C-alpha atoms as a PDB file:
ATOM      1  CA  MET A   1      22.666  56.459  18.219  1.00  0.00           C
ATOM      2  CA  ALA A   2      19.827  53.873  18.216  1.00  0.00           C
ATOM      3  CA  GLN A   3      20.636  50.407  17.031  1.00  0.00           C
ATOM      4  CA  ALA A   4      18.537  48.891  14.277  1.00  0.00           C
ATOM      5  CA  LYS A   5      16.512  45.865  15.271  1.00  0.00           C
ATOM      6  CA  LYS A   6      17.651  42.620  13.714  1.00  0.00           C
ATOM      7  CA  PRO A   7      14.995  40.554  11.931  1.00  0.00           C
ATOM      8  CA  GLY A   8      13.617  37.723  14.031  1.00  0.00           C
ATOM      9  CA  THR A   9      14.284  39.422  17.358  1.00  0.00           C
ATOM     10  CA  GLY A  10      11.851  40.913  19.766  1.00  0.00           C
ATOM     11  CA  LYS A  11       8.250  39.946  20.384  1.00  0.00           C
ATOM     12  CA  ALA A  12       7.118  39.798  16.733  1.00  0.00           C
ATOM     13  CA  GLY A  13      10.075  37.567  15.799  1.00  0.00           C
ATOM     14  CA  ALA A  14       9.390  35.214  18.701  1.00  0.00           C
ATOM     15  CA  THR A  15       5.739  34.909  17.675  1.00  0.00           C
ATOM     16  CA  ASP A  16       6.735  34.140  14.084  1.00  0.00           C
ATOM     17  CA  ALA A  17       9.236  31.514  15.243  1.00  0.00           C
ATOM     18  CA  SER A  18       6.642  29.949  17.551  1.00  0.00           C
ATOM     19  CA  GLY A  19       4.125  29.720  14.694  1.00  0.00           C
ATOM     20  CA  ILE A  20       6.689  28.086  12.430  1.00  0.00           C
ATOM     21  CA  THR A  21       7.689  25.659  15.171  1.00  0.00           C
ATOM     22  CA  ASP A  22       4.049  24.701  15.683  1.00  0.00           C
ATOM     23  CA  LYS A  23       3.569  24.102  11.960  1.00  0.00           C
ATOM     24  CA  VAL A  24       6.729  21.978  11.751  1.00  0.00           C
ATOM     25  CA  ARG A  25       5.645  19.986  14.822  1.00  0.00           C
ATOM     26  CA  GLU A  26       2.160  19.457  13.330  1.00  0.00           C
ATOM     27  CA  ALA A  27       3.643  18.309  10.012  1.00  0.00           C
ATOM     28  CA  GLY A  28       5.946  15.919  11.869  1.00  0.00           C
ATOM     29  CA  GLU A  29       3.020  14.449  13.795  1.00  0.00           C
ATOM     30  CA  LYS A  30       1.035  13.967  10.595  1.00  0.00           C
ATOM     31  CA  MET A  31       3.988  12.226   8.940  1.00  0.00           C
ATOM     32  CA  ARG A  32       4.486   9.954  11.964  1.00  0.00           C
ATOM     33  CA  ALA A  33       0.799   9.013  12.004  1.00  0.00           C
ATOM     34  CA  SER A  34       0.911   8.417   8.270  1.00  0.00           C
ATOM     35  CA  GLY A  35       3.990   6.219   8.686  1.00  0.00           C
ATOM     36  CA  GLU A  36       2.262   4.137  11.342  1.00  0.00           C
ATOM     37  CA  ARG A  37      -0.768   3.704   9.136  1.00  0.00           C
ATOM     38  CA  ILE A  38       1.381   2.763   6.135  1.00  0.00           C
ATOM     39  CA  ALA A  39       3.177   0.144   8.247  1.00  0.00           C
ATOM     40  CA  GLY A  40      -0.195  -1.405   9.095  1.00  0.00           C
ATOM     41  CA  GLN A  41      -1.263  -1.278   5.476  1.00  0.00           C
ATOM     42  CA  GLY A  42       2.029  -2.869   4.446  1.00  0.00           C
ATOM     43  CA  SER A  43       1.174  -5.755   6.740  1.00  0.00           C
ATOM     44  CA  ASP A  44      -2.250  -6.018   5.070  1.00  0.00           C
ATOM     45  CA  LEU A  45      -0.558  -6.098   1.674  1.00  0.00           C
ATOM     46  CA  GLY A  46       1.837  -8.820   2.820  1.00  0.00           C
ATOM     47  CA  MET A  47      -1.049 -10.947   4.057  1.00  0.00           C
ATOM     48  CA  LYS A  48      -2.925 -10.414   0.776  1.00  0.00           C
ATOM     49  CA  LEU A  49       0.122 -11.613  -1.179  1.00  0.00           C
ATOM     50  CA  LEU A  50       0.433 -14.687   1.041  1.00  0.00           C
ATOM     51  CA  ASP A  51      -3.267 -15.469   0.575  1.00  0.00           C
ATOM     52  CA  GLN A  52      -2.879 -15.180  -3.179  1.00  0.00           C
ATOM     53  CA  ALA A  53       0.210 -17.402  -3.208  1.00  0.00           C
ATOM     54  CA  GLU A  54      -1.649 -19.997  -1.146  1.00  0.00           C
ATOM     55  CA  GLN A  55      -4.619 -19.911  -3.520  1.00  0.00           C
ATOM     56  CA  ASN A  56      -2.340 -20.245  -6.565  1.00  0.00           C
ATOM     57  CA  THR A  57      -0.533 -23.197  -4.990  1.00  0.00           C
ATOM     58  CA  ARG A  58      -3.819 -24.970  -4.164  1.00  0.00           C
ATOM     59  CA  GLU A  59      -5.020 -24.468  -7.753  1.00  0.00           C
ATOM     60  CA  ALA A  60      -1.725 -25.749  -9.179  1.00  0.00           C
ATOM     61  CA  PHE A  61      -1.831 -28.912  -7.067  1.00  0.00           C
ATOM     62  CA  GLU A  62      -5.463 -29.476  -7.991  1.00  0.00           C
ATOM     63  CA  ALA A  63      -4.535 -29.240 -11.675  1.00  0.00           C
ATOM     64  CA  MET A  64      -1.649 -31.684 -11.141  1.00  0.00           C
ATOM     65  CA  ARG A  65      -4.010 -34.150  -9.448  1.00  0.00           C
ATOM     66  CA  ARG A  66      -6.472 -33.901 -12.343  1.00  0.00           C
ATOM     67  CA  ALA A  67      -3.627 -34.384 -14.844  1.00  0.00           C
ATOM     68  CA  ALA A  68      -2.317 -37.402 -12.915  1.00  0.00           C
ATOM     69  CA  LYS A  69      -5.794 -38.979 -13.075  1.00  0.00           C
ATOM     70  CA  ALA A  70      -6.129 -38.305 -16.807  1.00  0.00           C
ATOM     71  CA  ARG A  71      -6.711 -41.344 -19.003  1.00  0.00           C
ATOM     72  CA  ASP A  72      -4.761 -40.107 -22.023  1.00  0.00           C
ATOM     73  CA  LEU A  73      -2.566 -37.285 -23.323  1.00  0.00           C
ATOM     74  CA  SER A  74      -5.469 -35.279 -24.755  1.00  0.00           C
ATOM     75  CA  GLU A  75      -7.095 -35.134 -21.317  1.00  0.00           C
ATOM     76  CA  VAL A  76      -3.779 -34.024 -19.787  1.00  0.00           C
ATOM     77  CA  MET A  77      -3.544 -31.274 -22.430  1.00  0.00           C
ATOM     78  CA  HIS A  78      -7.121 -30.212 -21.684  1.00  0.00           C
ATOM     79  CA  VAL A  79      -6.389 -30.000 -17.934  1.00  0.00           C
ATOM     80  CA  GLN A  80      -3.220 -28.026 -18.607  1.00  0.00           C
ATOM     81  CA  GLY A  81      -4.970 -25.593 -20.970  1.00  0.00           C
ATOM     82  CA  GLU A  82      -7.806 -25.060 -18.535  1.00  0.00           C
ATOM     83  CA  TYR A  83      -5.369 -24.440 -15.684  1.00  0.00           C
ATOM     84  CA  LEU A  84      -3.362 -21.926 -17.741  1.00  0.00           C
ATOM     85  CA  ARG A  85      -6.491 -19.993 -18.736  1.00  0.00           C
ATOM     86  CA  GLU A  86      -7.760 -19.879 -15.159  1.00  0.00           C
ATOM     87  CA  GLN A  87      -4.337 -18.953 -13.778  1.00  0.00           C
ATOM     88  CA  GLY A  88      -4.010 -16.140 -16.310  1.00  0.00           C
ATOM     89  CA  SER A  89      -7.367 -14.697 -15.269  1.00  0.00           C
ATOM     90  CA  ARG A  90      -6.552 -15.191 -11.597  1.00  0.00           C
ATOM     91  CA  SER A  91      -3.168 -13.479 -11.995  1.00  0.00           C
ATOM     92  CA  MET A  92      -4.747 -10.463 -13.674  1.00  0.00           C
ATOM     93  CA  ALA A  93      -7.375 -10.161 -10.934  1.00  0.00           C
ATOM     94  CA  GLN A  94      -4.734 -10.522  -8.217  1.00  0.00           C
ATOM     95  CA  ALA A  95      -2.464  -7.919  -9.811  1.00  0.00           C
ATOM     96  CA  ARG A  96      -5.410  -5.523 -10.112  1.00  0.00           C
ATOM     97  CA  GLU A  97      -6.312  -6.079  -6.460  1.00  0.00           C
ATOM     98  CA  VAL A  98      -2.742  -5.470  -5.256  1.00  0.00           C
ATOM     99  CA  GLY A  99      -2.435  -2.415  -7.508  1.00  0.00           C
ATOM    100  CA  GLU A 100      -5.630  -0.953  -6.050  1.00  0.00           C
ATOM    101  CA  MET A 101      -4.349  -1.559  -2.515  1.00  0.00           C
ATOM    102  CA  ILE A 102      -1.062   0.193  -3.289  1.00  0.00           C
ATOM    103  CA  ALA A 103      -2.842   3.133  -4.962  1.00  0.00           C
ATOM    104  CA  ASN A 104      -5.144   3.468  -1.956  1.00  0.00           C
ATOM    105  CA  PHE A 105      -2.153   3.401   0.403  1.00  0.00           C
ATOM    106  CA  GLY A 106      -0.515   6.205  -1.590  1.00  0.00           C
ATOM    107  CA  ARG A 107      -3.667   8.319  -1.681  1.00  0.00           C
ATOM    108  CA  ASP A 108      -4.183   7.797   2.031  1.00  0.00           C
ATOM    109  CA  ALA A 109      -0.595   8.791   2.858  1.00  0.00           C
ATOM    110  CA  ILE A 110      -0.775  11.950   0.750  1.00  0.00           C
ATOM    111  CA  ASN A 111      -4.155  12.910   2.193  1.00  0.00           C
ATOM    112  CA  ARG A 112      -2.901  12.469   5.752  1.00  0.00           C
ATOM    113  CA  VAL A 113       0.206  14.566   5.167  1.00  0.00           C
ATOM    114  CA  THR A 114      -1.715  17.315   3.380  1.00  0.00           C
ATOM    115  CA  GLY A 115      -4.499  17.300   5.979  1.00  0.00           C
ATOM    116  CA  ARG A 116      -7.247  16.103   3.643  1.00  0.00           C
ATOM    117  CA  ASP A 117      -7.864  12.887   5.568  1.00  0.00           C
ATOM    118  CA  GLU A 118     -11.502  12.471   6.582  1.00  0.00           C
ATOM    119  CA  SER A 119     -10.920   9.294   8.653  1.00  0.00           C
ATOM    120  CA  LYS A 120      -8.593  10.778  11.293  1.00  0.00           C
END
């Protein structure tokens, strides 16, 4: 009596397994490359945050110097109001910039994993 072939055995099964292995290996390589790129982008983000913190600190000290040189309370209040307005605008711009960087990182990671990356 002839034995029935088990699925996944023989030449056809080996070819199927080899194709799957290749696809898994390719996906793993794409994820590794994406991870390396994300690590680099994370460093860029960290530097951007440090640059922004440095800029904010410089602006705060400049406002304190102007307030210390003020001749009266109304001038101090003017300096403080001006600083708060500028800092509010600066904070919004900085948050937008960081948000755009993070969104770009996410898009880039997804595109690399899915194979839609044009900058390979």
